[in-house]
Amino acid sequence: MRWRSSTGCCCGGRRRPPAARPAEPPDTSLPRITAVTTGSVPVERRPRTSPRAGRRSSWSPSYIGVLRRVDVVVVVTAVLIAYAGRFGSRAPLVSGVPYMAVAAMLALAWLGSLRLMRGYDIKIIGHGAEEYRRVLGSGLRLAGLVAIVCYLADAPVARGFVALAFPLGTFGLLTGRYTARKWLHHRRRAGDGWSHRVLVVGDGPQVEDLVRQLRREPYAGYQVVGVCTPDGGGVAGAPGVGTLDELGEALTRVAADTVAVTASAGITATTLRRLGWELHGTGVGLVVAPALVDIAGPRIHTSPVAGLPLIHVEEPELAGRRRAMKHVVDRLVALVALVALLPVLAVVALAVRLDTPGPALFRQVRVGRDGRPFTMYKFRSMTVDAEARRAALAEWDDHDGGVLFKIRRDPRVTPVGRVIRKWSLDELPQLVNVARGEMSLVGPRPPLPEEVARYGADVARRLLVQPGITGLWQVSGRSDLSWEDSVRLDLYYVENWSLTTDAIILWKTVGAVFRRTGAY
């Protein structure tokens, strides 16, 4: 008979079991814990029924319950509207079955399809596009299945009923998920506890980078409650709660439900594997943050090679078929928008001319793709001597003499200019630049030549794509952003752009314009 050592390894020698200890009164706050050492990282083993195991998903059951109720209401409503719209109060039979029963079966099948597609997986709900893809995929797959079954069974299901139910239901489901996500993000920003409590583990610099990124986006749902570093020290934005050897005690102390391990020299593959073993069944999640920064999910693919999960990173698509499609869409949309907005353009131009002396349009040389200069058009929002007065206002620069020059209450801005800036109406003439192929609807901010002269090699990658009327900078704070954040967002777009991303940014631009934050 063999006894297992404290490290979980089998020993060849025979040991006598330890003498029984007197029973201790139970701890009602937390269950009794046995420390288990895994290499250099001791982790506390907890039974599956511990209160901590429940805390890991304390917010997720409530949120998933909300999603399920919303989905039921949406699907049932869509099916009933399709039924009433197609048949009214009287409907024929389908192979002897009442149409209302067919409608009920369709609703149940749709809700079941959402579960089969794992549309309620806690790992994908609340962030990213995967949740929307699964919701959309569940409807498309079910529609295809219904078509196949009706064909094989020769069931005379009304095409109008199906054609009305699926678009209505899909639109309603996507809208419901979007609304629920916005509500969840609001709760997370307010600090109401609808987030994972994360303990970050690793070396100081890597830990600090991860903490900074997670704190930058609180709506993502990862609240850093502490860090474990080799020396036990804290980092900016998170306190130190122990060394790597004190991880088990730190988990209990800060009541973390997730351990985030950074790519650090002190965390070996063996240590990481053993850490995963020991966290199994404790209710504490394990996530690994690889040394990949600002790379979107679609560019990352994992494949098992020789027992290793190798991460493949695709090159950014700076040319090719999708890029050509983007140019075509940009120009077509710009031409249509110019025609549709012609009355608005005329009214704004007249208001600018009547407000202060000078032309309605402001022309300025900007730098486009591959460093090519072009003339950018905007409605004039400043006095005609604005450039001459810039040097005198340098001390009021909100960006402290950085590459950007922004003043929150710029005295050069005219009364009408202040209004059209608030509503981004001064940007509308840039549709002409888009129609001419000099700009894009979505892209990095178009820089000035003097700004480009101060670019480093990394910042110069912004010039690999065409600048845009709007972009991530526009929907993330506009003029309130620092230079570093503006560069980070632009470079992220350059590396990870897609037509889907462009559509999302255009949608968010509408909200950013109505919120009018950061526009001055």
Protein backbone atom coordinates (compact mmCIF):
# COMPACT_ATOMS: atom_id res chain seq x y z
CA MET A 1 0.00 0.00 0.00
CA ARG A 2 1.35 3.43 -0.96
CA TRP A 3 0.67 6.81 0.56
CA ARG A 4 0.67 9.96 -1.52
CA SER A 5 3.03 12.72 -0.54
CA SER A 6 1.95 16.31 -0.10
CA THR A 7 2.98 17.01 -3.69
CA GLY A 8 0.70 14.35 -5.09
CA CYS A 9 3.57 11.97 -6.09
CA CYS A 10 3.68 8.30 -5.15
CA CYS A 11 6.58 7.18 -2.94
CA GLY A 12 8.09 3.74 -2.93
CA GLY A 13 8.53 3.46 0.84
CA ARG A 14 5.75 2.51 3.22
CA ARG A 15 4.57 5.28 5.53
CA ARG A 16 2.43 5.14 8.56
CA PRO A 17 -0.61 7.32 8.36
CA PRO A 18 -0.55 10.38 10.60
CA ALA A 19 -2.16 10.09 13.98
CA ALA A 20 -5.71 11.30 14.18
CA ARG A 21 -6.14 14.79 15.59
CA PRO A 22 -8.94 15.91 17.85
CA ALA A 23 -11.91 17.25 15.97
CA GLU A 24 -12.05 21.02 15.68
CA PRO A 25 -15.20 23.09 15.57
CA PRO A 26 -16.21 23.83 11.99
CA ASP A 27 -15.42 27.20 10.45
CA THR A 28 -18.71 28.60 9.24
CA SER A 29 -17.13 31.33 7.14
CA LEU A 30 -15.07 29.12 4.82
CA PRO A 31 -14.48 25.37 4.59
CA ARG A 32 -11.38 23.75 5.94
CA ILE A 33 -8.50 24.09 3.46
CA THR A 34 -5.50 21.90 2.86
CA ALA A 35 -2.47 23.58 1.31
CA VAL A 36 -1.09 21.69 -1.66
CA THR A 37 2.29 22.67 -3.05
CA THR A 38 2.66 22.66 -6.83
CA GLY A 39 6.28 23.28 -7.60
CA SER A 40 6.88 26.83 -6.44
CA VAL A 41 3.18 27.75 -6.19
CA PRO A 42 1.13 26.48 -3.24
CA VAL A 43 -2.58 26.49 -3.88
CA GLU A 44 -5.36 25.81 -1.42
CA ARG A 45 -7.55 22.84 -2.33
CA ARG A 46 -11.24 23.41 -1.68
CA PRO A 47 -14.19 21.08 -2.03
CA ARG A 48 -16.58 21.71 -4.89
CA THR A 49 -19.32 22.71 -2.47
CA SER A 50 -17.39 25.56 -0.89
CA PRO A 51 -18.93 29.02 -0.67
CA ARG A 52 -16.09 30.25 -2.78
CA ALA A 53 -17.22 27.96 -5.59
CA GLY A 54 -20.56 29.69 -5.56
CA ARG A 55 -19.00 33.11 -5.52
CA ARG A 56 -17.27 32.48 -8.84
CA SER A 57 -20.54 32.71 -10.71
CA SER A 58 -22.54 34.82 -8.25
CA TRP A 59 -23.51 37.31 -10.93
CA SER A 60 -23.65 35.02 -13.96
CA PRO A 61 -26.76 32.96 -13.03
CA SER A 62 -28.76 36.16 -12.59
CA TYR A 63 -27.57 37.58 -15.89
CA ILE A 64 -28.07 34.33 -17.78
CA GLY A 65 -31.55 34.12 -16.30
CA VAL A 66 -32.30 37.59 -17.66
CA LEU A 67 -31.06 36.55 -21.11
CA ARG A 68 -33.19 33.42 -21.14
CA ARG A 69 -36.33 35.30 -20.16
CA VAL A 70 -35.68 37.96 -22.79
CA ASP A 71 -35.07 35.28 -25.44
CA VAL A 72 -38.32 33.50 -24.56
CA VAL A 73 -40.31 36.73 -24.83
CA VAL A 74 -38.66 37.67 -28.14
CA VAL A 75 -39.07 34.26 -29.80
CA VAL A 76 -42.68 33.80 -28.69
CA THR A 77 -43.55 37.35 -29.77
CA ALA A 78 -41.90 36.90 -33.17
CA VAL A 79 -43.72 33.62 -33.80
CA LEU A 80 -47.08 35.07 -32.75
CA ILE A 81 -46.62 38.16 -34.94
CA ALA A 82 -45.70 35.93 -37.89
CA TYR A 83 -48.73 33.74 -37.20
CA ALA A 84 -51.11 36.69 -36.98
CA GLY A 85 -49.56 38.46 -39.95
CA ARG A 86 -49.78 35.42 -42.20
CA PHE A 87 -53.06 33.78 -41.13
CA GLY A 88 -54.98 36.24 -38.98
CA SER A 89 -57.56 34.51 -36.79
CA ARG A 90 -57.97 31.44 -39.01
CA ALA A 91 -55.18 29.12 -40.08
CA PRO A 92 -55.20 25.83 -42.02
CA LEU A 93 -53.84 22.54 -40.75
CA VAL A 94 -50.36 21.22 -41.53
CA SER A 95 -50.69 17.48 -42.16
CA GLY A 96 -53.59 17.46 -39.70
CA VAL A 97 -51.74 19.50 -37.06
CA PRO A 98 -53.03 22.98 -36.09
CA TYR A 99 -50.74 25.81 -37.15
CA MET A 100 -50.64 27.10 -33.58
CA ALA A 101 -49.03 23.81 -32.53
CA VAL A 102 -46.53 24.20 -35.38
CA ALA A 103 -45.76 27.73 -34.17
CA ALA A 104 -45.26 26.46 -30.61
CA MET A 105 -42.90 23.71 -31.82
CA LEU A 106 -40.94 26.27 -33.83
CA ALA A 107 -40.54 28.50 -30.76
CA LEU A 108 -39.39 25.57 -28.61
CA ALA A 109 -36.97 24.42 -31.30
CA TRP A 110 -35.53 27.92 -31.59
CA LEU A 111 -34.94 28.19 -27.84
CA GLY A 112 -33.39 24.73 -27.90
CA SER A 113 -31.14 25.76 -30.77
CA LEU A 114 -29.86 28.67 -28.70
CA ARG A 115 -28.86 26.23 -25.97
CA LEU A 116 -27.24 23.81 -28.42
CA MET A 117 -25.23 26.68 -29.91
CA ARG A 118 -24.09 27.51 -26.35
CA GLY A 119 -25.63 30.93 -26.56
CA TYR A 120 -25.57 31.20 -22.76
CA ASP A 121 -21.90 30.30 -22.27
CA ILE A 122 -20.51 32.59 -19.58
CA LYS A 123 -17.20 32.81 -21.46
CA ILE A 124 -18.74 34.62 -24.43
CA ILE A 125 -21.70 36.58 -23.10
CA GLY A 126 -21.24 40.25 -22.30
CA HIS A 127 -18.27 40.95 -24.57
CA GLY A 128 -17.00 40.33 -28.08
CA ALA A 129 -18.84 39.37 -31.25
CA GLU A 130 -19.01 35.62 -30.60
CA GLU A 131 -22.26 35.95 -28.63
CA TYR A 132 -23.95 37.66 -31.57
CA ARG A 133 -22.55 35.10 -34.01
CA ARG A 134 -24.01 32.22 -32.00
CA VAL A 135 -27.41 33.89 -31.74
CA LEU A 136 -27.42 34.54 -35.48
CA GLY A 137 -26.14 31.04 -36.21
CA SER A 138 -28.87 29.40 -34.14
CA GLY A 139 -31.56 31.08 -36.24
CA LEU A 140 -29.89 30.35 -39.58
CA ARG A 141 -29.31 26.69 -38.76
CA LEU A 142 -32.85 26.22 -37.54
CA ALA A 143 -34.25 27.89 -40.67
CA GLY A 144 -32.20 25.53 -42.82
CA LEU A 145 -33.34 22.54 -40.77
CA VAL A 146 -37.00 23.57 -41.09
CA ALA A 147 -36.61 23.87 -44.87
CA ILE A 148 -35.03 20.40 -45.11
CA VAL A 149 -37.66 18.76 -42.88
CA CYS A 150 -40.53 20.37 -44.79
CA TYR A 151 -39.05 19.21 -48.09
CA LEU A 152 -38.44 15.63 -46.96
CA ALA A 153 -41.80 15.31 -45.16
CA ASP A 154 -43.65 17.15 -47.90
CA ALA A 155 -45.23 19.34 -45.20
CA PRO A 156 -47.04 22.38 -46.65
CA VAL A 157 -45.68 24.93 -44.16
CA ALA A 158 -46.45 28.47 -45.32
CA ARG A 159 -43.28 30.14 -46.52
CA GLY A 160 -44.64 33.53 -45.56
CA PHE A 161 -44.96 32.42 -41.94
CA VAL A 162 -41.36 31.18 -41.81
CA ALA A 163 -40.01 34.15 -43.79
CA LEU A 164 -41.63 36.54 -41.31
CA ALA A 165 -40.85 34.69 -38.07
CA PHE A 166 -37.10 34.21 -38.52
CA PRO A 167 -36.10 37.79 -39.48
CA LEU A 168 -38.29 39.24 -36.72
CA GLY A 169 -36.98 36.81 -34.13
CA THR A 170 -33.33 37.19 -35.12
CA PHE A 171 -33.53 40.97 -35.05
CA GLY A 172 -35.28 40.86 -31.68
CA LEU A 173 -32.76 38.42 -30.19
CA LEU A 174 -29.78 40.49 -31.33
CA THR A 175 -31.41 43.68 -30.05
CA GLY A 176 -32.18 42.03 -26.73
CA ARG A 177 -28.61 40.78 -26.33
CA TYR A 178 -27.24 44.22 -27.21
CA THR A 179 -29.54 45.94 -24.71
CA ALA A 180 -28.72 43.42 -21.97
CA ARG A 181 -25.01 43.86 -22.65
CA LYS A 182 -25.28 47.64 -22.34
CA TRP A 183 -27.09 47.19 -19.04
CA LEU A 184 -24.37 44.80 -17.81
CA HIS A 185 -21.61 47.21 -18.85
CA HIS A 186 -23.36 50.01 -16.98
CA ARG A 187 -23.52 47.92 -13.82
CA ARG A 188 -19.86 47.00 -14.15
CA ARG A 189 -18.77 50.60 -14.62
CA ALA A 190 -20.79 51.52 -11.54
CA GLY A 191 -18.90 48.89 -9.54
CA ASP A 192 -22.00 46.94 -8.54
CA GLY A 193 -20.15 43.63 -8.35
CA TRP A 194 -21.16 42.20 -11.74
CA SER A 195 -17.53 41.35 -12.52
CA HIS A 196 -14.98 38.62 -11.92
CA ARG A 197 -12.64 39.27 -8.99
CA VAL A 198 -9.21 38.69 -10.49
CA LEU A 199 -5.90 37.93 -8.80
CA VAL A 200 -3.07 38.59 -11.26
CA VAL A 201 0.07 36.46 -10.96
CA GLY A 202 3.48 37.00 -12.56
CA ASP A 203 6.49 39.29 -12.78
CA GLY A 204 6.10 42.99 -12.01
CA PRO A 205 6.24 44.59 -15.52
CA GLN A 206 3.95 42.02 -17.13
CA VAL A 207 1.53 42.20 -14.21
CA GLU A 208 1.44 45.98 -14.39
CA ASP A 209 0.67 45.89 -18.14
CA LEU A 210 -2.21 43.47 -17.64
CA VAL A 211 -3.62 45.44 -14.70
CA ARG A 212 -3.51 48.65 -16.73
CA GLN A 213 -5.35 47.07 -19.66
CA LEU A 214 -8.06 45.54 -17.47
CA ARG A 215 -8.60 48.78 -15.56
CA ARG A 216 -8.85 50.68 -18.84
CA GLU A 217 -11.97 48.70 -19.78
CA PRO A 218 -13.99 48.01 -16.61
CA TYR A 219 -17.00 46.97 -18.68
CA ALA A 220 -15.10 43.82 -19.71
CA GLY A 221 -15.90 42.41 -16.27
CA TYR A 222 -12.45 41.71 -14.81
CA GLN A 223 -11.91 43.61 -11.56
CA VAL A 224 -8.33 43.26 -10.33
CA VAL A 225 -8.38 42.83 -6.54
CA GLY A 226 -4.69 42.10 -6.03
CA VAL A 227 -1.44 40.83 -7.51
CA CYS A 228 1.08 38.16 -6.56
CA THR A 229 4.63 38.98 -7.66
CA PRO A 230 7.99 37.38 -6.82
CA ASP A 231 8.70 40.04 -4.17
CA GLY A 232 5.10 40.41 -3.01
CA GLY A 233 4.95 44.06 -4.03
CA GLY A 234 2.04 45.80 -5.68
CA VAL A 235 1.82 47.65 -8.97
CA ALA A 236 0.08 50.80 -10.11
CA GLY A 237 -3.64 50.24 -9.67
CA ALA A 238 -3.49 47.01 -7.64
CA PRO A 239 -2.09 46.12 -4.21
CA GLY A 240 0.35 43.31 -3.59
CA VAL A 241 -1.29 40.53 -1.58
CA GLY A 242 1.56 38.04 -1.44
CA THR A 243 4.40 36.35 -3.24
CA LEU A 244 4.05 33.51 -5.72
CA ASP A 245 4.54 31.07 -2.83
CA GLU A 246 1.59 32.61 -0.99
CA LEU A 247 -0.95 32.31 -3.79
CA GLY A 248 -3.31 30.07 -1.84
CA GLU A 249 -3.51 32.45 1.12
CA ALA A 250 -3.90 35.42 -1.23
CA LEU A 251 -6.88 33.81 -2.95
CA THR A 252 -8.65 33.51 0.38
CA ARG A 253 -7.65 36.97 1.56
CA VAL A 254 -9.04 38.87 -1.44
CA ALA A 255 -11.89 36.42 -2.22
CA ALA A 256 -10.80 36.15 -5.86
CA ASP A 257 -12.78 33.94 -8.21
CA THR A 258 -10.28 34.08 -11.10
CA VAL A 259 -6.51 33.73 -11.35
CA ALA A 260 -4.91 35.52 -14.31
CA VAL A 261 -1.38 34.33 -15.07
CA THR A 262 0.86 36.57 -17.16
CA ALA A 263 3.65 35.48 -19.49
CA SER A 264 6.46 35.67 -16.94
CA ALA A 265 9.83 34.01 -16.54
CA GLY A 266 8.87 32.85 -13.04
CA ILE A 267 5.86 30.86 -14.30
CA THR A 268 7.04 27.70 -16.04
CA ALA A 269 4.88 25.35 -18.08
CA THR A 270 5.03 22.75 -15.30
CA THR A 271 3.97 25.26 -12.67
CA LEU A 272 1.09 26.44 -14.83
CA ARG A 273 -0.10 22.88 -15.45
CA ARG A 274 0.00 22.02 -11.76
CA LEU A 275 -1.76 25.25 -10.91
CA GLY A 276 -4.60 24.25 -13.22
CA TRP A 277 -4.81 20.87 -11.53
CA GLU A 278 -5.03 22.34 -8.07
CA LEU A 279 -7.64 24.92 -9.03
CA HIS A 280 -9.84 22.20 -10.47
CA GLY A 281 -13.01 21.90 -8.45
CA THR A 282 -12.33 24.97 -6.31
CA GLY A 283 -14.67 27.30 -8.19
CA VAL A 284 -11.70 29.52 -9.08
CA GLY A 285 -11.19 30.11 -12.79
CA LEU A 286 -7.80 30.16 -14.49
CA VAL A 287 -6.98 32.43 -17.42
CA VAL A 288 -3.61 32.88 -19.10
CA ALA A 289 -2.61 36.22 -20.62
CA PRO A 290 -0.07 35.53 -23.41
CA ALA A 291 2.45 38.13 -24.48
CA LEU A 292 0.15 39.33 -27.27
CA VAL A 293 -1.02 42.92 -27.10
CA ASP A 294 -3.79 44.57 -29.15
CA ILE A 295 -4.37 41.60 -31.46
CA ALA A 296 -8.01 40.86 -32.25
CA GLY A 297 -9.43 37.37 -31.82
CA PRO A 298 -10.05 36.63 -35.53
CA ARG A 299 -6.30 36.91 -36.18
CA ILE A 300 -5.45 34.34 -33.50
CA HIS A 301 -5.77 30.60 -34.05
CA THR A 302 -4.69 27.81 -31.73
CA SER A 303 -3.50 24.45 -33.02
CA PRO A 304 -2.10 21.49 -31.05
CA VAL A 305 1.41 20.61 -32.23
CA ALA A 306 3.48 18.00 -30.38
CA GLY A 307 1.20 18.39 -27.39
CA LEU A 308 1.65 22.16 -27.32
CA PRO A 309 -1.16 24.66 -27.96
CA LEU A 310 0.67 26.84 -30.48
CA ILE A 311 -0.85 30.24 -31.17
CA HIS A 312 -0.81 31.34 -34.81
CA VAL A 313 -1.09 35.08 -35.48
CA GLU A 314 -2.20 36.09 -38.96
CA GLU A 315 -0.72 39.11 -40.68
CA PRO A 316 -2.87 42.25 -40.81
CA GLU A 317 -4.76 42.54 -44.09
CA LEU A 318 -3.45 45.79 -45.57
CA ALA A 319 -4.27 44.86 -49.19
CA GLY A 320 -6.31 42.34 -51.12
CA ARG A 321 -9.93 41.58 -51.88
CA ARG A 322 -11.44 42.79 -48.62
CA ARG A 323 -9.48 46.02 -48.77
CA ALA A 324 -10.72 46.63 -52.32
CA MET A 325 -14.27 45.93 -51.18
CA LYS A 326 -13.83 48.48 -48.39
CA HIS A 327 -12.79 51.14 -50.93
CA VAL A 328 -15.82 50.42 -53.11
CA VAL A 329 -18.23 50.53 -50.17
CA ASP A 330 -16.64 53.74 -48.86
CA ARG A 331 -17.07 55.58 -52.14
CA LEU A 332 -20.61 54.39 -52.76
CA VAL A 333 -21.75 55.31 -49.25
CA ALA A 334 -20.01 58.70 -49.47
CA LEU A 335 -21.71 59.55 -52.78
CA VAL A 336 -25.14 58.53 -51.48
CA ALA A 337 -24.59 60.45 -48.23
CA LEU A 338 -23.53 63.60 -50.08
CA VAL A 339 -26.74 63.56 -52.10
CA ALA A 340 -28.94 62.76 -49.10
CA LEU A 341 -27.31 65.38 -46.87
CA LEU A 342 -27.20 68.14 -49.46
CA PRO A 343 -29.84 70.26 -47.64
CA VAL A 344 -27.95 69.91 -44.34
CA LEU A 345 -24.67 70.86 -46.02
CA ALA A 346 -26.29 73.95 -47.53
CA VAL A 347 -27.77 75.09 -44.19
CA VAL A 348 -24.49 74.62 -42.31
CA ALA A 349 -22.51 76.43 -45.01
CA LEU A 350 -24.91 79.37 -44.90
CA ALA A 351 -24.75 79.53 -41.09
CA VAL A 352 -20.94 79.58 -41.14
CA ARG A 353 -20.86 82.38 -43.71
CA LEU A 354 -23.38 84.51 -41.78
CA ASP A 355 -21.68 83.93 -38.42
CA THR A 356 -18.20 85.37 -39.03
CA PRO A 357 -16.31 86.73 -42.04
CA GLY A 358 -14.55 84.11 -44.11
CA PRO A 359 -15.24 81.09 -46.32
CA ALA A 360 -17.61 78.30 -45.33
CA LEU A 361 -15.04 75.59 -46.01
CA PHE A 362 -11.72 75.12 -44.26
CA ARG A 363 -8.99 73.47 -46.31
CA GLN A 364 -5.94 71.93 -44.71
CA VAL A 365 -3.16 69.64 -45.90
CA ARG A 366 -3.21 66.28 -44.14
CA VAL A 367 -1.16 63.12 -44.62
CA GLY A 368 -2.89 60.04 -46.02
CA ARG A 369 -1.97 56.47 -46.78
CA ASP A 370 1.73 55.79 -47.37
CA GLY A 371 2.52 59.39 -46.43
CA ARG A 372 0.78 60.97 -49.42
CA PRO A 373 -0.48 64.50 -48.66
CA PHE A 374 -3.98 65.58 -49.62
CA THR A 375 -6.29 68.53 -49.00
CA MET A 376 -8.90 67.77 -46.37
CA TYR A 377 -12.20 69.67 -46.28
CA LYS A 378 -14.15 70.73 -43.20
CA PHE A 379 -16.69 73.38 -42.40
CA ARG A 380 -14.85 76.33 -40.89
CA SER A 381 -15.40 76.36 -37.13
CA MET A 382 -12.69 78.89 -36.20
CA THR A 383 -11.83 82.46 -37.05
CA VAL A 384 -9.86 82.98 -40.25
CA ASP A 385 -6.71 83.91 -38.27
CA ALA A 386 -6.78 80.75 -36.16
CA GLU A 387 -3.42 79.42 -37.35
CA ALA A 388 -1.70 82.75 -36.72
CA ARG A 389 -2.98 82.76 -33.12
CA ARG A 390 -1.91 79.21 -32.36
CA ALA A 391 1.55 80.07 -31.04
CA ALA A 392 0.10 82.55 -28.55
CA LEU A 393 -2.19 79.84 -27.15
CA ALA A 394 0.47 77.14 -26.76
CA GLU A 395 0.47 77.42 -22.96
CA TRP A 396 -3.23 76.47 -22.90
CA ASP A 397 -2.66 73.21 -24.77
CA ASP A 398 -4.57 70.44 -22.96
CA HIS A 399 -2.06 67.88 -24.27
CA ASP A 400 0.90 69.58 -22.56
CA GLY A 401 2.86 70.33 -25.69
CA GLY A 402 2.49 66.85 -27.13
CA VAL A 403 1.98 65.97 -30.76
CA LEU A 404 -1.71 66.92 -30.60
CA PHE A 405 -2.82 70.52 -30.00
CA LYS A 406 -6.21 70.78 -28.31
CA ILE A 407 -7.76 73.46 -26.09
CA ARG A 408 -11.00 72.68 -24.29
CA ARG A 409 -12.33 76.27 -24.49
CA ASP A 410 -10.48 77.48 -27.55
CA PRO A 411 -11.15 81.23 -28.01
CA ARG A 412 -10.64 80.85 -31.77
CA VAL A 413 -13.82 78.76 -32.14
CA THR A 414 -16.78 80.74 -33.46
CA PRO A 415 -20.31 80.51 -31.96
CA VAL A 416 -21.59 78.48 -34.92
CA GLY A 417 -18.35 76.53 -34.92
CA ARG A 418 -18.95 75.44 -31.35
CA VAL A 419 -22.36 74.06 -32.30
CA ILE A 420 -21.25 72.18 -35.41
CA ARG A 421 -18.29 70.73 -33.51
CA LYS A 422 -20.55 69.42 -30.78
CA TRP A 423 -22.61 67.57 -33.38
CA SER A 424 -19.62 66.74 -35.65
CA LEU A 425 -21.29 68.59 -38.53
CA ASP A 426 -17.95 70.20 -39.38
CA GLU A 427 -16.73 66.76 -40.52
CA LEU A 428 -19.39 66.28 -43.21
CA PRO A 429 -17.36 67.82 -46.10
CA GLN A 430 -14.84 65.02 -45.60
CA LEU A 431 -17.33 62.84 -47.48
CA VAL A 432 -15.87 64.54 -50.56
CA ASN A 433 -12.43 63.22 -49.58
CA VAL A 434 -13.91 59.74 -49.18
CA ALA A 435 -15.60 59.91 -52.59
CA ARG A 436 -12.26 60.94 -54.12
CA GLY A 437 -10.49 57.98 -52.53
CA GLU A 438 -8.30 60.10 -50.23
CA MET A 439 -10.00 59.05 -47.01
CA SER A 440 -12.17 56.25 -45.68
CA LEU A 441 -15.35 56.28 -43.65
CA VAL A 442 -13.50 54.50 -40.84
CA GLY A 443 -9.80 54.75 -40.13
CA PRO A 444 -7.12 56.48 -38.07
CA ARG A 445 -7.29 60.21 -37.46
CA PRO A 446 -5.84 62.15 -40.44
CA PRO A 447 -2.60 63.71 -39.14
CA LEU A 448 -0.94 67.02 -39.98
CA PRO A 449 2.47 67.01 -41.73
CA GLU A 450 4.15 68.47 -38.63
CA GLU A 451 2.67 65.67 -36.53
CA VAL A 452 3.98 63.02 -38.93
CA ALA A 453 7.44 64.57 -38.72
CA ARG A 454 7.47 63.66 -35.01
CA TYR A 455 6.32 60.07 -35.51
CA GLY A 456 8.47 57.17 -34.47
CA ALA A 457 8.66 53.94 -36.44
CA ASP A 458 5.79 52.37 -34.50
CA VAL A 459 3.44 55.37 -34.75
CA ALA A 460 4.16 55.63 -38.49
CA ARG A 461 2.20 52.39 -38.99
CA ARG A 462 -0.91 54.57 -38.81
CA LEU A 463 -0.07 55.60 -42.36
CA LEU A 464 -0.43 52.05 -43.71
CA VAL A 465 -4.17 52.62 -44.19
CA GLN A 466 -6.30 55.53 -45.28
CA PRO A 467 -7.38 57.97 -42.57
CA GLY A 468 -11.05 58.03 -41.68
CA ILE A 469 -13.85 60.43 -40.86
CA THR A 470 -14.47 58.35 -37.74
CA GLY A 471 -12.61 55.62 -35.94
CA LEU A 472 -11.93 54.02 -32.60
CA TRP A 473 -10.63 57.36 -31.34
CA GLN A 474 -13.97 58.98 -32.24
CA VAL A 475 -16.06 56.49 -30.28
CA SER A 476 -13.66 56.23 -27.32
CA GLY A 477 -13.44 59.80 -26.10
CA ARG A 478 -12.53 61.99 -29.10
CA SER A 479 -10.54 65.03 -27.95
CA ASP A 480 -10.52 63.84 -24.32
CA LEU A 481 -8.07 61.07 -25.27
CA SER A 482 -4.39 61.40 -24.54
CA TRP A 483 -1.89 61.14 -27.37
CA GLU A 484 -0.83 57.69 -26.19
CA ASP A 485 -4.40 56.38 -26.13
CA SER A 486 -5.11 57.87 -29.55
CA VAL A 487 -2.07 56.12 -31.01
CA ARG A 488 -2.94 52.84 -29.31
CA LEU A 489 -6.46 52.84 -30.73
CA ASP A 490 -5.32 53.79 -34.22
CA LEU A 491 -2.65 51.09 -34.28
CA TYR A 492 -5.16 48.54 -33.03
CA TYR A 493 -7.44 49.43 -35.93
CA VAL A 494 -4.61 49.21 -38.47
CA GLU A 495 -3.65 45.75 -37.24
CA ASN A 496 -7.15 44.32 -36.81
CA TRP A 497 -9.55 46.12 -39.15
CA SER A 498 -12.42 44.26 -40.77
CA LEU A 499 -15.66 45.17 -42.51
CA THR A 500 -17.53 44.02 -39.41
CA THR A 501 -15.39 46.27 -37.23
CA ASP A 502 -16.10 49.19 -39.55
CA ALA A 503 -19.84 48.59 -39.29
CA ILE A 504 -19.65 48.46 -35.48
CA ILE A 505 -17.62 51.68 -35.34
CA LEU A 506 -20.08 53.47 -37.63
CA TRP A 507 -22.93 52.33 -35.39
CA LYS A 508 -21.12 53.52 -32.26
CA THR A 509 -20.30 56.84 -33.93
CA VAL A 510 -23.99 57.71 -33.95
CA GLY A 511 -24.12 57.28 -30.18
CA ALA A 512 -20.88 59.21 -29.68
CA VAL A 513 -22.24 62.14 -31.69
CA PHE A 514 -25.45 62.29 -29.65
CA ARG A 515 -23.52 62.03 -26.36
CA ARG A 516 -21.32 64.93 -27.53
CA THR A 517 -18.53 63.99 -25.13
CA GLY A 518 -14.99 65.02 -26.02
CA ALA A 519 -16.12 67.36 -28.81
CA TYR A 520 -14.59 70.82 -28.46
